[in-house]
Amino acid sequence: MLFTAVRPVSVAMLLAEMPELGRMTATEAAAMSGLAPMAHDSGAMRGKRVISRERRSLRHVLLQAGLAAACHNPVLKVVAKRMKQRGKPHKLGIVAIARRLITVANAILKTALPWRISSAA
């Protein structure tokens, strides 16, 4: 198991859907998993960013892992609470946490070091 915030089903999906994980940057990992905001600017629609495209089934699993982490992971729970206090929509917070999970998973596979809970989020 990669770390406690991601359970076996999520780990299996990560390894199956993203075999290149651990050999890319955090931004590339977020984009490949479909968790990076993509611009859809045209005409009157400016500044709107949405997540989409790449690996839909993986994105759905990561969003569920993000939802669980927002409730149970001590570090990511603080992040979710901080975003809520700033007035961000609930789903935006879950997407941000899911993106952090993919970034952490990428870093774990890249460095081969276990994830440690620290006070810095």
PDB file of N, CA and C in Angstrom:
ATOM      1  N   MET A   1       0.845  -1.175   0.000  1.00  0.00           N
ATOM      2  CA  MET A   1       0.000   0.000   0.000  1.00  0.00           C
ATOM      3  C   MET A   1       0.892   1.240   0.000  1.00  0.00           C
ATOM      4  N   LEU A   2       0.545   2.236  -0.814  1.00  0.00           N
ATOM      5  CA  LEU A   2       1.365   3.438  -0.910  1.00  0.00           C
ATOM      6  C   LEU A   2       1.364   4.235   0.384  1.00  0.00           C
ATOM      7  N   PHE A   3       0.220   4.569   0.913  1.00  0.00           N
ATOM      8  CA  PHE A   3       0.115   5.289   2.173  1.00  0.00           C
ATOM      9  C   PHE A   3      -1.298   5.195   2.685  1.00  0.00           C
ATOM     10  N   THR A   4      -1.504   5.607   3.917  1.00  0.00           N
ATOM     11  CA  THR A   4      -2.784   5.356   4.570  1.00  0.00           C
ATOM     12  C   THR A   4      -3.959   6.112   3.977  1.00  0.00           C
ATOM     13  N   ALA A   5      -3.723   7.210   3.264  1.00  0.00           N
ATOM     14  CA  ALA A   5      -4.833   7.969   2.689  1.00  0.00           C
ATOM     15  C   ALA A   5      -5.412   7.283   1.457  1.00  0.00           C
ATOM     16  N   VAL A   6      -4.659   6.401   0.844  1.00  0.00           N
ATOM     17  CA  VAL A   6      -5.124   5.702  -0.355  1.00  0.00           C
ATOM     18  C   VAL A   6      -5.195   4.220  -0.036  1.00  0.00           C
ATOM     19  N   ARG A   7      -6.366   3.658  -0.159  1.00  0.00           N
ATOM     20  CA  ARG A   7      -6.595   2.263   0.189  1.00  0.00           C
ATOM     21  C   ARG A   7      -6.256   1.351  -0.998  1.00  0.00           C
ATOM     22  N   PRO A   8      -6.323   0.029  -0.823  1.00  0.00           N
ATOM     23  CA  PRO A   8      -5.897  -0.920  -1.853  1.00  0.00           C
ATOM     24  C   PRO A   8      -6.570  -0.760  -3.221  1.00  0.00           C
ATOM     25  N   VAL A   9      -7.858  -0.445  -3.256  1.00  0.00           N
ATOM     26  CA  VAL A   9      -8.539  -0.285  -4.549  1.00  0.00           C
ATOM     27  C   VAL A   9      -7.943   0.896  -5.308  1.00  0.00           C
ATOM     28  N   SER A  10      -7.723   1.990  -4.599  1.00  0.00           N
ATOM     29  CA  SER A  10      -7.142   3.178  -5.235  1.00  0.00           C
ATOM     30  C   SER A  10      -5.722   2.902  -5.705  1.00  0.00           C
ATOM     31  N   VAL A  11      -4.958   2.189  -4.902  1.00  0.00           N
ATOM     32  CA  VAL A  11      -3.583   1.850  -5.283  1.00  0.00           C
ATOM     33  C   VAL A  11      -3.588   0.975  -6.530  1.00  0.00           C
ATOM     34  N   ALA A  12      -4.483   0.002  -6.573  1.00  0.00           N
ATOM     35  CA  ALA A  12      -4.576  -0.874  -7.742  1.00  0.00           C
ATOM     36  C   ALA A  12      -4.928  -0.075  -8.993  1.00  0.00           C
ATOM     37  N   MET A  13      -5.861   0.854  -8.867  1.00  0.00           N
ATOM     38  CA  MET A  13      -6.226   1.701 -10.014  1.00  0.00           C
ATOM     39  C   MET A  13      -5.055   2.578 -10.441  1.00  0.00           C
ATOM     40  N   LEU A  14      -4.347   3.160  -9.476  1.00  0.00           N
ATOM     41  CA  LEU A  14      -3.198   4.002  -9.804  1.00  0.00           C
ATOM     42  C   LEU A  14      -2.147   3.219 -10.579  1.00  0.00           C
ATOM     43  N   LEU A  15      -1.828   2.034 -10.090  1.00  0.00           N
ATOM     44  CA  LEU A  15      -0.792   1.231 -10.743  1.00  0.00           C
ATOM     45  C   LEU A  15      -1.246   0.710 -12.101  1.00  0.00           C
ATOM     46  N   ALA A  16      -2.534   0.386 -12.234  1.00  0.00           N
ATOM     47  CA  ALA A  16      -3.046  -0.132 -13.503  1.00  0.00           C
ATOM     48  C   ALA A  16      -3.217   0.966 -14.545  1.00  0.00           C
ATOM     49  N   GLU A  17      -3.769   2.107 -14.133  1.00  0.00           N
ATOM     50  CA  GLU A  17      -4.091   3.180 -15.075  1.00  0.00           C
ATOM     51  C   GLU A  17      -2.929   4.127 -15.356  1.00  0.00           C
ATOM     52  N   MET A  18      -1.993   4.232 -14.423  1.00  0.00           N
ATOM     53  CA  MET A  18      -0.869   5.168 -14.601  1.00  0.00           C
ATOM     54  C   MET A  18       0.458   4.463 -14.341  1.00  0.00           C
ATOM     55  N   PRO A  19       0.871   3.570 -15.219  1.00  0.00           N
ATOM     56  CA  PRO A  19       2.143   2.876 -14.997  1.00  0.00           C
ATOM     57  C   PRO A  19       3.344   3.828 -15.029  1.00  0.00           C
ATOM     58  N   GLU A  20       3.170   5.010 -15.625  1.00  0.00           N
ATOM     59  CA  GLU A  20       4.265   5.980 -15.696  1.00  0.00           C
ATOM     60  C   GLU A  20       4.405   6.799 -14.419  1.00  0.00           C
ATOM     61  N   LEU A  21       3.524   6.585 -13.452  1.00  0.00           N
ATOM     62  CA  LEU A  21       3.571   7.320 -12.197  1.00  0.00           C
ATOM     63  C   LEU A  21       4.915   7.073 -11.507  1.00  0.00           C
ATOM     64  N   GLY A  22       5.530   8.134 -11.040  1.00  0.00           N
ATOM     65  CA  GLY A  22       6.850   8.043 -10.413  1.00  0.00           C
ATOM     66  C   GLY A  22       7.958   8.480 -11.352  1.00  0.00           C
ATOM     67  N   ARG A  23       7.618   8.655 -12.632  1.00  0.00           N
ATOM     68  CA  ARG A  23       8.615   9.088 -13.616  1.00  0.00           C
ATOM     69  C   ARG A  23       8.202  10.403 -14.279  1.00  0.00           C
ATOM     70  N   MET A  24       7.380  11.187 -13.576  1.00  0.00           N
ATOM     71  CA  MET A  24       6.902  12.454 -14.140  1.00  0.00           C
ATOM     72  C   MET A  24       6.847  13.503 -13.042  1.00  0.00           C
ATOM     73  N   THR A  25       6.606  14.738 -13.447  1.00  0.00           N
ATOM     74  CA  THR A  25       6.483  15.816 -12.476  1.00  0.00           C
ATOM     75  C   THR A  25       5.083  15.780 -11.847  1.00  0.00           C
ATOM     76  N   ALA A  26       4.910  16.544 -10.773  1.00  0.00           N
ATOM     77  CA  ALA A  26       3.612  16.601 -10.103  1.00  0.00           C
ATOM     78  C   ALA A  26       2.542  17.174 -11.024  1.00  0.00           C
ATOM     79  N   THR A  27       2.900  18.189 -11.797  1.00  0.00           N
ATOM     80  CA  THR A  27       1.948  18.805 -12.730  1.00  0.00           C
ATOM     81  C   THR A  27       1.528  17.818 -13.807  1.00  0.00           C
ATOM     82  N   GLU A  28       2.493  17.081 -14.341  1.00  0.00           N
ATOM     83  CA  GLU A  28       2.183  16.076 -15.358  1.00  0.00           C
ATOM     84  C   GLU A  28       1.295  14.978 -14.785  1.00  0.00           C
ATOM     85  N   ALA A  29       1.565  14.560 -13.554  1.00  0.00           N
ATOM     86  CA  ALA A  29       0.761  13.514 -12.925  1.00  0.00           C
ATOM     87  C   ALA A  29      -0.682  13.981 -12.735  1.00  0.00           C
ATOM     88  N   ALA A  30      -0.859  15.226 -12.306  1.00  0.00           N
ATOM     89  CA  ALA A  30      -2.208  15.761 -12.128  1.00  0.00           C
ATOM     90  C   ALA A  30      -2.933  15.863 -13.468  1.00  0.00           C
ATOM     91  N   ALA A  31      -2.222  16.296 -14.497  1.00  0.00           N
ATOM     92  CA  ALA A  31      -2.838  16.410 -15.824  1.00  0.00           C
ATOM     93  C   ALA A  31      -3.189  15.036 -16.386  1.00  0.00           C
ATOM     94  N   MET A  32      -2.316  14.072 -16.221  1.00  0.00           N
ATOM     95  CA  MET A  32      -2.568  12.729 -16.754  1.00  0.00           C
ATOM     96  C   MET A  32      -3.719  12.033 -16.028  1.00  0.00           C
ATOM     97  N   SER A  33      -3.934  12.370 -14.767  1.00  0.00           N
ATOM     98  CA  SER A  33      -5.029  11.753 -14.022  1.00  0.00           C
ATOM     99  C   SER A  33      -6.347  12.494 -14.220  1.00  0.00           C
ATOM    100  N   GLY A  34      -6.305  13.633 -14.915  1.00  0.00           N
ATOM    101  CA  GLY A  34      -7.512  14.405 -15.176  1.00  0.00           C
ATOM    102  C   GLY A  34      -7.891  15.332 -14.039  1.00  0.00           C
ATOM    103  N   LEU A  35      -6.962  15.626 -13.141  1.00  0.00           N
ATOM    104  CA  LEU A  35      -7.246  16.477 -11.996  1.00  0.00           C
ATOM    105  C   LEU A  35      -6.696  17.887 -12.132  1.00  0.00           C
ATOM    106  N   ALA A  36      -6.072  18.193 -13.251  1.00  0.00           N
ATOM    107  CA  ALA A  36      -5.553  19.543 -13.476  1.00  0.00           C
ATOM    108  C   ALA A  36      -6.637  20.387 -14.143  1.00  0.00           C
ATOM    109  N   PRO A  37      -6.769  21.644 -13.749  1.00  0.00           N
ATOM    110  CA  PRO A  37      -7.779  22.498 -14.380  1.00  0.00           C
ATOM    111  C   PRO A  37      -7.399  22.823 -15.823  1.00  0.00           C
ATOM    112  N   MET A  38      -8.343  22.643 -16.722  1.00  0.00           N
ATOM    113  CA  MET A  38      -8.122  22.925 -18.141  1.00  0.00           C
ATOM    114  C   MET A  38      -8.931  24.149 -18.546  1.00  0.00           C
ATOM    115  N   ALA A  39      -8.337  25.002 -19.349  1.00  0.00           N
ATOM    116  CA  ALA A  39      -9.005  26.219 -19.797  1.00  0.00           C
ATOM    117  C   ALA A  39      -9.952  25.905 -20.953  1.00  0.00           C
ATOM    118  N   HIS A  40     -11.118  26.500 -20.917  1.00  0.00           N
ATOM    119  CA  HIS A  40     -12.095  26.402 -21.997  1.00  0.00           C
ATOM    120  C   HIS A  40     -12.557  27.815 -22.342  1.00  0.00           C
ATOM    121  N   ASP A  41     -11.613  28.674 -22.650  1.00  0.00           N
ATOM    122  CA  ASP A  41     -11.928  30.072 -22.944  1.00  0.00           C
ATOM    123  C   ASP A  41     -12.361  30.230 -24.397  1.00  0.00           C
ATOM    124  N   SER A  42     -13.495  30.880 -24.581  1.00  0.00           N
ATOM    125  CA  SER A  42     -13.955  31.258 -25.913  1.00  0.00           C
ATOM    126  C   SER A  42     -15.136  32.193 -25.758  1.00  0.00           C
ATOM    127  N   GLY A  43     -15.170  33.231 -26.556  1.00  0.00           N
ATOM    128  CA  GLY A  43     -16.288  34.170 -26.514  1.00  0.00           C
ATOM    129  C   GLY A  43     -16.461  34.793 -25.148  1.00  0.00           C
ATOM    130  N   ALA A  44     -17.655  34.673 -24.603  1.00  0.00           N
ATOM    131  CA  ALA A  44     -17.974  35.283 -23.311  1.00  0.00           C
ATOM    132  C   ALA A  44     -17.492  34.438 -22.139  1.00  0.00           C
ATOM    133  N   MET A  45     -17.121  33.203 -22.397  1.00  0.00           N
ATOM    134  CA  MET A  45     -16.698  32.308 -21.323  1.00  0.00           C
ATOM    135  C   MET A  45     -15.199  32.433 -21.111  1.00  0.00           C
ATOM    136  N   ARG A  46     -14.816  33.221 -20.134  1.00  0.00           N
ATOM    137  CA  ARG A  46     -13.399  33.450 -19.841  1.00  0.00           C
ATOM    138  C   ARG A  46     -13.117  33.152 -18.385  1.00  0.00           C
ATOM    139  N   GLY A  47     -11.978  32.522 -18.140  1.00  0.00           N
ATOM    140  CA  GLY A  47     -11.558  32.260 -16.772  1.00  0.00           C
ATOM    141  C   GLY A  47     -12.128  30.996 -16.157  1.00  0.00           C
ATOM    142  N   LYS A  48     -13.038  30.324 -16.838  1.00  0.00           N
ATOM    143  CA  LYS A  48     -13.638  29.104 -16.308  1.00  0.00           C
ATOM    144  C   LYS A  48     -12.662  27.944 -16.513  1.00  0.00           C
ATOM    145  N   ARG A  49     -12.374  27.221 -15.454  1.00  0.00           N
ATOM    146  CA  ARG A  49     -11.480  26.077 -15.531  1.00  0.00           C
ATOM    147  C   ARG A  49     -12.204  24.851 -14.999  1.00  0.00           C
ATOM    148  N   VAL A  50     -12.088  23.744 -15.700  1.00  0.00           N
ATOM    149  CA  VAL A  50     -12.743  22.509 -15.286  1.00  0.00           C
ATOM    150  C   VAL A  50     -11.757  21.351 -15.403  1.00  0.00           C
ATOM    151  N   ILE A  51     -12.027  20.290 -14.647  1.00  0.00           N
ATOM    152  CA  ILE A  51     -11.234  19.078 -14.781  1.00  0.00           C
ATOM    153  C   ILE A  51     -11.953  18.187 -15.780  1.00  0.00           C
ATOM    154  N   SER A  52     -11.198  17.514 -16.619  1.00  0.00           N
ATOM    155  CA  SER A  52     -11.821  16.635 -17.604  1.00  0.00           C
ATOM    156  C   SER A  52     -10.756  15.837 -18.335  1.00  0.00           C
ATOM    157  N   ARG A  53     -11.187  15.161 -19.365  1.00  0.00           N
ATOM    158  CA  ARG A  53     -10.360  14.420 -20.299  1.00  0.00           C
ATOM    159  C   ARG A  53      -9.772  13.162 -19.685  1.00  0.00           C
ATOM    160  N   GLU A  54      -8.506  13.119 -19.514  1.00  0.00           N
ATOM    161  CA  GLU A  54      -7.727  11.924 -19.215  1.00  0.00           C
ATOM    162  C   GLU A  54      -8.325  10.992 -18.157  1.00  0.00           C
ATOM    163  N   ARG A  55      -8.290   9.715 -18.393  1.00  0.00           N
ATOM    164  CA  ARG A  55      -8.508   8.632 -17.448  1.00  0.00           C
ATOM    165  C   ARG A  55      -9.656   8.863 -16.460  1.00  0.00           C
ATOM    166  N   ARG A  56     -10.835   8.840 -16.981  1.00  0.00           N
ATOM    167  CA  ARG A  56     -12.042   9.141 -16.216  1.00  0.00           C
ATOM    168  C   ARG A  56     -12.243   8.197 -15.027  1.00  0.00           C
ATOM    169  N   SER A  57     -12.064   6.898 -15.236  1.00  0.00           N
ATOM    170  CA  SER A  57     -12.295   5.945 -14.140  1.00  0.00           C
ATOM    171  C   SER A  57     -11.297   6.172 -13.006  1.00  0.00           C
ATOM    172  N   LEU A  58     -10.057   6.480 -13.341  1.00  0.00           N
ATOM    173  CA  LEU A  58      -9.056   6.774 -12.315  1.00  0.00           C
ATOM    174  C   LEU A  58      -9.427   8.045 -11.564  1.00  0.00           C
ATOM    175  N   ARG A  59      -9.882   9.059 -12.282  1.00  0.00           N
ATOM    176  CA  ARG A  59     -10.271  10.315 -11.647  1.00  0.00           C
ATOM    177  C   ARG A  59     -11.402  10.089 -10.645  1.00  0.00           C
ATOM    178  N   HIS A  60     -12.372   9.266 -11.001  1.00  0.00           N
ATOM    179  CA  HIS A  60     -13.486   8.990 -10.095  1.00  0.00           C
ATOM    180  C   HIS A  60     -13.009   8.284  -8.821  1.00  0.00           C
ATOM    181  N   VAL A  61     -12.091   7.340  -8.959  1.00  0.00           N
ATOM    182  CA  VAL A  61     -11.546   6.647  -7.792  1.00  0.00           C
ATOM    183  C   VAL A  61     -10.754   7.624  -6.922  1.00  0.00           C
ATOM    184  N   LEU A  62      -9.976   8.497  -7.554  1.00  0.00           N
ATOM    185  CA  LEU A  62      -9.197   9.476  -6.798  1.00  0.00           C
ATOM    186  C   LEU A  62     -10.094  10.491  -6.091  1.00  0.00           C
ATOM    187  N   LEU A  63     -11.209  10.856  -6.704  1.00  0.00           N
ATOM    188  CA  LEU A  63     -12.140  11.766  -6.048  1.00  0.00           C
ATOM    189  C   LEU A  63     -12.767  11.116  -4.817  1.00  0.00           C
ATOM    190  N   GLN A  64     -13.062   9.826  -4.902  1.00  0.00           N
ATOM    191  CA  GLN A  64     -13.581   9.118  -3.729  1.00  0.00           C
ATOM    192  C   GLN A  64     -12.516   9.026  -2.633  1.00  0.00           C
ATOM    193  N   ALA A  65     -11.271   8.776  -3.035  1.00  0.00           N
ATOM    194  CA  ALA A  65     -10.170   8.753  -2.067  1.00  0.00           C
ATOM    195  C   ALA A  65      -9.975  10.136  -1.450  1.00  0.00           C
ATOM    196  N   GLY A  66     -10.138  11.177  -2.259  1.00  0.00           N
ATOM    197  CA  GLY A  66     -10.037  12.545  -1.757  1.00  0.00           C
ATOM    198  C   GLY A  66     -11.129  12.865  -0.757  1.00  0.00           C
ATOM    199  N   LEU A  67     -12.326  12.383  -1.025  1.00  0.00           N
ATOM    200  CA  LEU A  67     -13.443  12.589  -0.108  1.00  0.00           C
ATOM    201  C   LEU A  67     -13.168  11.902   1.231  1.00  0.00           C
ATOM    202  N   ALA A  68     -12.679  10.673   1.182  1.00  0.00           N
ATOM    203  CA  ALA A  68     -12.351   9.948   2.415  1.00  0.00           C
ATOM    204  C   ALA A  68     -11.200  10.626   3.157  1.00  0.00           C
ATOM    205  N   ALA A  69     -10.190  11.073   2.412  1.00  0.00           N
ATOM    206  CA  ALA A  69      -9.041  11.728   3.039  1.00  0.00           C
ATOM    207  C   ALA A  69      -9.447  13.044   3.683  1.00  0.00           C
ATOM    208  N   ALA A  70     -10.381  13.761   3.075  1.00  0.00           N
ATOM    209  CA  ALA A  70     -10.839  15.039   3.635  1.00  0.00           C
ATOM    210  C   ALA A  70     -11.529  14.830   4.975  1.00  0.00           C
ATOM    211  N   CYS A  71     -12.067  13.657   5.202  1.00  0.00           N
ATOM    212  CA  CYS A  71     -12.761  13.375   6.459  1.00  0.00           C
ATOM    213  C   CYS A  71     -11.868  12.695   7.494  1.00  0.00           C
ATOM    214  N   HIS A  72     -10.883  11.901   7.056  1.00  0.00           N
ATOM    215  CA  HIS A  72     -10.167  11.040   7.993  1.00  0.00           C
ATOM    216  C   HIS A  72      -8.655  11.270   8.079  1.00  0.00           C
ATOM    217  N   ASN A  73      -8.032  11.821   7.065  1.00  0.00           N
ATOM    218  CA  ASN A  73      -6.590  12.048   7.105  1.00  0.00           C
ATOM    219  C   ASN A  73      -6.324  13.334   7.879  1.00  0.00           C
ATOM    220  N   PRO A  74      -5.503  13.289   8.940  1.00  0.00           N
ATOM    221  CA  PRO A  74      -5.316  14.477   9.772  1.00  0.00           C
ATOM    222  C   PRO A  74      -4.740  15.679   9.030  1.00  0.00           C
ATOM    223  N   VAL A  75      -3.835  15.465   8.098  1.00  0.00           N
ATOM    224  CA  VAL A  75      -3.234  16.575   7.355  1.00  0.00           C
ATOM    225  C   VAL A  75      -4.214  17.133   6.332  1.00  0.00           C
ATOM    226  N   LEU A  76      -4.829  16.266   5.561  1.00  0.00           N
ATOM    227  CA  LEU A  76      -5.718  16.707   4.492  1.00  0.00           C
ATOM    228  C   LEU A  76      -7.061  17.207   5.022  1.00  0.00           C
ATOM    229  N   LYS A  77      -7.438  16.769   6.203  1.00  0.00           N
ATOM    230  CA  LYS A  77      -8.657  17.274   6.842  1.00  0.00           C
ATOM    231  C   LYS A  77      -8.509  18.768   7.134  1.00  0.00           C
ATOM    232  N   VAL A  78      -7.325  19.173   7.563  1.00  0.00           N
ATOM    233  CA  VAL A  78      -7.043  20.586   7.831  1.00  0.00           C
ATOM    234  C   VAL A  78      -7.115  21.388   6.534  1.00  0.00           C
ATOM    235  N   VAL A  79      -6.584  20.835   5.452  1.00  0.00           N
ATOM    236  CA  VAL A  79      -6.624  21.510   4.149  1.00  0.00           C
ATOM    237  C   VAL A  79      -8.067  21.720   3.711  1.00  0.00           C
ATOM    238  N   ALA A  80      -8.896  20.681   3.846  1.00  0.00           N
ATOM    239  CA  ALA A  80     -10.307  20.783   3.455  1.00  0.00           C
ATOM    240  C   ALA A  80     -11.033  21.825   4.306  1.00  0.00           C
ATOM    241  N   LYS A  81     -10.753  21.840   5.585  1.00  0.00           N
ATOM    242  CA  LYS A  81     -11.388  22.812   6.477  1.00  0.00           C
ATOM    243  C   LYS A  81     -10.981  24.237   6.114  1.00  0.00           C
ATOM    244  N   ARG A  82      -9.708  24.428   5.796  1.00  0.00           N
ATOM    245  CA  ARG A  82      -9.202  25.749   5.416  1.00  0.00           C
ATOM    246  C   ARG A  82      -9.855  26.238   4.124  1.00  0.00           C
ATOM    247  N   MET A  83     -10.027  25.354   3.160  1.00  0.00           N
ATOM    248  CA  MET A  83     -10.676  25.735   1.905  1.00  0.00           C
ATOM    249  C   MET A  83     -12.141  26.091   2.126  1.00  0.00           C
ATOM    250  N   LYS A  84     -12.794  25.346   2.998  1.00  0.00           N
ATOM    251  CA  LYS A  84     -14.201  25.634   3.301  1.00  0.00           C
ATOM    252  C   LYS A  84     -14.329  27.001   3.980  1.00  0.00           C
ATOM    253  N   GLN A  85     -13.410  27.319   4.876  1.00  0.00           N
ATOM    254  CA  GLN A  85     -13.432  28.621   5.550  1.00  0.00           C
ATOM    255  C   GLN A  85     -13.218  29.769   4.571  1.00  0.00           C
ATOM    256  N   ARG A  86     -12.487  29.517   3.505  1.00  0.00           N
ATOM    257  CA  ARG A  86     -12.262  30.542   2.484  1.00  0.00           C
ATOM    258  C   ARG A  86     -13.449  30.686   1.540  1.00  0.00           C
ATOM    259  N   GLY A  87     -14.464  29.859   1.721  1.00  0.00           N
ATOM    260  CA  GLY A  87     -15.663  29.962   0.897  1.00  0.00           C
ATOM    261  C   GLY A  87     -15.607  29.178  -0.399  1.00  0.00           C
ATOM    262  N   LYS A  88     -14.669  28.263  -0.534  1.00  0.00           N
ATOM    263  CA  LYS A  88     -14.563  27.462  -1.752  1.00  0.00           C
ATOM    264  C   LYS A  88     -15.654  26.394  -1.765  1.00  0.00           C
ATOM    265  N   PRO A  89     -16.149  26.036  -2.938  1.00  0.00           N
ATOM    266  CA  PRO A  89     -17.148  24.970  -3.028  1.00  0.00           C
ATOM    267  C   PRO A  89     -16.585  23.633  -2.537  1.00  0.00           C
ATOM    268  N   HIS A  90     -17.461  22.806  -1.992  1.00  0.00           N
ATOM    269  CA  HIS A  90     -17.045  21.515  -1.430  1.00  0.00           C
ATOM    270  C   HIS A  90     -16.320  20.652  -2.466  1.00  0.00           C
ATOM    271  N   LYS A  91     -16.873  20.590  -3.661  1.00  0.00           N
ATOM    272  CA  LYS A  91     -16.273  19.745  -4.698  1.00  0.00           C
ATOM    273  C   LYS A  91     -14.881  20.235  -5.094  1.00  0.00           C
ATOM    274  N   LEU A  92     -14.676  21.529  -5.099  1.00  0.00           N
ATOM    275  CA  LEU A  92     -13.365  22.087  -5.406  1.00  0.00           C
ATOM    276  C   LEU A  92     -12.334  21.622  -4.381  1.00  0.00           C
ATOM    277  N   GLY A  93     -12.734  21.587  -3.114  1.00  0.00           N
ATOM    278  CA  GLY A  93     -11.846  21.097  -2.064  1.00  0.00           C
ATOM    279  C   GLY A  93     -11.499  19.630  -2.248  1.00  0.00           C
ATOM    280  N   ILE A  94     -12.478  18.825  -2.633  1.00  0.00           N
ATOM    281  CA  ILE A  94     -12.242  17.397  -2.852  1.00  0.00           C
ATOM    282  C   ILE A  94     -11.294  17.194  -4.033  1.00  0.00           C
ATOM    283  N   VAL A  95     -11.471  17.960  -5.093  1.00  0.00           N
ATOM    284  CA  VAL A  95     -10.579  17.863  -6.254  1.00  0.00           C
ATOM    285  C   VAL A  95      -9.161  18.268  -5.861  1.00  0.00           C
ATOM    286  N   ALA A  96      -9.033  19.318  -5.054  1.00  0.00           N
ATOM    287  CA  ALA A  96      -7.707  19.763  -4.614  1.00  0.00           C
ATOM    288  C   ALA A  96      -7.022  18.688  -3.774  1.00  0.00           C
ATOM    289  N   ILE A  97      -7.773  18.026  -2.916  1.00  0.00           N
ATOM    290  CA  ILE A  97      -7.197  16.963  -2.097  1.00  0.00           C
ATOM    291  C   ILE A  97      -6.838  15.760  -2.951  1.00  0.00           C
ATOM    292  N   ALA A  98      -7.684  15.413  -3.919  1.00  0.00           N
ATOM    293  CA  ALA A  98      -7.369  14.308  -4.829  1.00  0.00           C
ATOM    294  C   ALA A  98      -6.095  14.610  -5.613  1.00  0.00           C
ATOM    295  N   ARG A  99      -5.937  15.873  -6.009  1.00  0.00           N
ATOM    296  CA  ARG A  99      -4.714  16.262  -6.717  1.00  0.00           C
ATOM    297  C   ARG A  99      -3.499  16.127  -5.803  1.00  0.00           C
ATOM    298  N   ARG A 100      -3.658  16.480  -4.538  1.00  0.00           N
ATOM    299  CA  ARG A 100      -2.560  16.294  -3.586  1.00  0.00           C
ATOM    300  C   ARG A 100      -2.226  14.816  -3.427  1.00  0.00           C
ATOM    301  N   LEU A 101      -3.254  13.970  -3.408  1.00  0.00           N
ATOM    302  CA  LEU A 101      -3.011  12.529  -3.277  1.00  0.00           C
ATOM    303  C   LEU A 101      -2.197  11.998  -4.445  1.00  0.00           C
ATOM    304  N   ILE A 102      -2.542  12.408  -5.666  1.00  0.00           N
ATOM    305  CA  ILE A 102      -1.792  11.934  -6.832  1.00  0.00           C
ATOM    306  C   ILE A 102      -0.373  12.479  -6.816  1.00  0.00           C
ATOM    307  N   THR A 103      -0.205  13.705  -6.330  1.00  0.00           N
ATOM    308  CA  THR A 103       1.124  14.305  -6.224  1.00  0.00           C
ATOM    309  C   THR A 103       1.966  13.558  -5.190  1.00  0.00           C
ATOM    310  N   VAL A 104       1.361  13.232  -4.069  1.00  0.00           N
ATOM    311  CA  VAL A 104       2.071  12.487  -3.026  1.00  0.00           C
ATOM    312  C   VAL A 104       2.425  11.081  -3.513  1.00  0.00           C
ATOM    313  N   ALA A 105       1.486  10.410  -4.185  1.00  0.00           N
ATOM    314  CA  ALA A 105       1.752   9.075  -4.720  1.00  0.00           C
ATOM    315  C   ALA A 105       2.904   9.113  -5.720  1.00  0.00           C
ATOM    316  N   ASN A 106       2.926  10.131  -6.569  1.00  0.00           N
ATOM    317  CA  ASN A 106       4.008  10.290  -7.535  1.00  0.00           C
ATOM    318  C   ASN A 106       5.345  10.481  -6.811  1.00  0.00           C
ATOM    319  N   ALA A 107       5.354  11.314  -5.778  1.00  0.00           N
ATOM    320  CA  ALA A 107       6.584  11.559  -5.023  1.00  0.00           C
ATOM    321  C   ALA A 107       7.051  10.313  -4.288  1.00  0.00           C
ATOM    322  N   ILE A 108       6.119   9.554  -3.741  1.00  0.00           N
ATOM    323  CA  ILE A 108       6.478   8.319  -3.033  1.00  0.00           C
ATOM    324  C   ILE A 108       7.128   7.327  -3.988  1.00  0.00           C
ATOM    325  N   LEU A 109       6.536   7.167  -5.162  1.00  0.00           N
ATOM    326  CA  LEU A 109       7.103   6.226  -6.132  1.00  0.00           C
ATOM    327  C   LEU A 109       8.430   6.726  -6.700  1.00  0.00           C
ATOM    328  N   LYS A 110       8.569   8.034  -6.813  1.00  0.00           N
ATOM    329  CA  LYS A 110       9.800   8.610  -7.358  1.00  0.00           C
ATOM    330  C   LYS A 110      10.957   8.491  -6.375  1.00  0.00           C
ATOM    331  N   THR A 111      10.708   8.754  -5.084  1.00  0.00           N
ATOM    332  CA  THR A 111      11.777   8.777  -4.090  1.00  0.00           C
ATOM    333  C   THR A 111      11.925   7.471  -3.325  1.00  0.00           C
ATOM    334  N   ALA A 112      10.928   6.606  -3.378  1.00  0.00           N
ATOM    335  CA  ALA A 112      10.905   5.338  -2.642  1.00  0.00           C
ATOM    336  C   ALA A 112      10.954   5.560  -1.136  1.00  0.00           C
ATOM    337  N   LEU A 113      10.479   6.710  -0.671  1.00  0.00           N
ATOM    338  CA  LEU A 113      10.394   7.004   0.754  1.00  0.00           C
ATOM    339  C   LEU A 113       8.933   6.936   1.187  1.00  0.00           C
ATOM    340  N   PRO A 114       8.665   6.429   2.402  1.00  0.00           N
ATOM    341  CA  PRO A 114       7.268   6.380   2.861  1.00  0.00           C
ATOM    342  C   PRO A 114       6.737   7.778   3.156  1.00  0.00           C
ATOM    343  N   TRP A 115       5.416   7.910   3.097  1.00  0.00           N
ATOM    344  CA  TRP A 115       4.769   9.183   3.399  1.00  0.00           C
ATOM    345  C   TRP A 115       4.729   9.369   4.900  1.00  0.00           C
ATOM    346  N   ARG A 116       5.138  10.547   5.342  1.00  0.00           N
ATOM    347  CA  ARG A 116       5.108  10.872   6.767  1.00  0.00           C
ATOM    348  C   ARG A 116       4.144  12.013   6.983  1.00  0.00           C
ATOM    349  N   ILE A 117       3.362  11.910   8.012  1.00  0.00           N
ATOM    350  CA  ILE A 117       2.458  12.998   8.374  1.00  0.00           C
ATOM    351  C   ILE A 117       3.275  14.065   9.064  1.00  0.00           C
ATOM    352  N   SER A 118       3.206  15.281   8.522  1.00  0.00           N
ATOM    353  CA  SER A 118       3.890  16.409   9.131  1.00  0.00           C
ATOM    354  C   SER A 118       2.872  17.503   9.382  1.00  0.00           C
ATOM    355  N   SER A 119       3.262  18.497  10.153  1.00  0.00           N
ATOM    356  CA  SER A 119       2.333  19.573  10.468  1.00  0.00           C
ATOM    357  C   SER A 119       2.156  20.530   9.298  1.00  0.00           C
ATOM    358  N   ALA A 120       3.104  20.580   8.363  1.00  0.00           N
ATOM    359  CA  ALA A 120       2.984  21.465   7.192  1.00  0.00           C
ATOM    360  C   ALA A 120       2.088  20.813   6.157  1.00  0.00           C
ATOM    361  N   ALA A 121       1.100  21.553   5.688  1.00  0.00           N
ATOM    362  CA  ALA A 121       0.183  20.988   4.682  1.00  0.00           C
ATOM    363  C   ALA A 121       0.308  21.725   3.384  1.00  0.00           C
TER     364      ALA A 121
END
